[in-house]
Amino acid sequence: MKIRTELAAVEFETQDIVQIAMRINGEAGSIHAWIFLKQNGFRDDEIMNLLRHTPSLRVVH
């Protein structure tokens, strides 16, 4: 799972946020984490770094 997240992060600049979120969706909760962070003012590059260095980022609802 971590490898897929890193690949999505590496390809970040060539894809839009929806495509990346769909790829990261392989890890349960990550798409929700991305949306949550985006809504709370995190920049795309900050979210990319978080997802790259956090194998299973989850947001508790």
Protein backbone atom coordinates (compact mmCIF):
# COMPACT_ATOMS: atom_id res chain seq x y z
CA MET A 1 0.00 0.00 0.00
CA LYS A 2 2.80 2.41 0.89
CA ILE A 3 4.37 2.00 -2.54
CA ARG A 4 1.12 3.02 -4.26
CA THR A 5 0.91 6.14 -2.10
CA GLU A 6 4.50 7.09 -2.96
CA LEU A 7 3.89 6.53 -6.67
CA ALA A 8 0.84 8.76 -6.56
CA ALA A 9 2.84 11.42 -4.72
CA VAL A 10 5.69 11.25 -7.25
CA GLU A 11 3.23 11.69 -10.12
CA PHE A 12 1.51 14.52 -8.28
CA GLU A 13 2.56 17.27 -10.66
CA THR A 14 1.21 15.48 -13.73
CA GLN A 15 -2.23 14.62 -12.37
CA ASP A 16 -5.08 16.60 -10.92
CA ILE A 17 -6.22 16.15 -7.33
CA VAL A 18 -9.18 13.92 -8.24
CA GLN A 19 -7.01 11.43 -10.14
CA ILE A 20 -4.54 11.26 -7.26
CA ALA A 21 -7.29 10.84 -4.70
CA MET A 22 -8.71 7.96 -6.72
CA ARG A 23 -5.31 6.22 -6.83
CA ILE A 24 -4.73 6.71 -3.11
CA ASN A 25 -8.20 5.31 -2.43
CA GLY A 26 -6.51 1.87 -2.32
CA GLU A 27 -5.70 2.70 1.29
CA ALA A 28 -8.85 2.82 3.39
CA GLY A 29 -9.54 6.32 4.60
CA SER A 30 -6.83 8.13 2.66
CA ILE A 31 -9.20 9.78 0.19
CA HIS A 32 -11.18 11.10 3.15
CA ALA A 33 -7.97 12.30 4.79
CA TRP A 34 -6.99 14.13 1.58
CA ILE A 35 -10.39 15.87 1.34
CA PHE A 36 -10.35 16.71 5.07
CA LEU A 37 -6.87 18.25 4.86
CA LYS A 38 -7.76 20.16 1.68
CA GLN A 39 -10.87 21.62 3.32
CA ASN A 40 -8.80 22.69 6.32
CA GLY A 41 -6.37 24.82 4.36
CA PHE A 42 -3.50 22.45 3.66
CA ARG A 43 -1.76 23.08 0.34
CA ASP A 44 -1.51 20.28 -2.22
CA ASP A 45 2.25 19.91 -1.69
CA GLU A 46 1.78 19.62 2.09
CA ILE A 47 -0.84 16.90 1.64
CA MET A 48 1.43 15.11 -0.84
CA ASN A 49 4.24 15.06 1.73
CA LEU A 50 1.92 13.82 4.48
CA LEU A 51 0.64 10.97 2.32
CA ARG A 52 4.14 10.09 1.15
CA HIS A 53 5.47 9.78 4.70
CA THR A 54 2.37 8.30 6.35
CA PRO A 55 1.64 4.79 5.05
CA SER A 56 -1.90 4.64 6.42
CA LEU A 57 -3.15 8.15 7.08
CA ARG A 58 -6.62 8.00 8.59
CA VAL A 59 -9.09 10.62 9.75
CA VAL A 60 -11.47 9.69 12.55
CA HIS A 61 -14.95 10.95 11.81
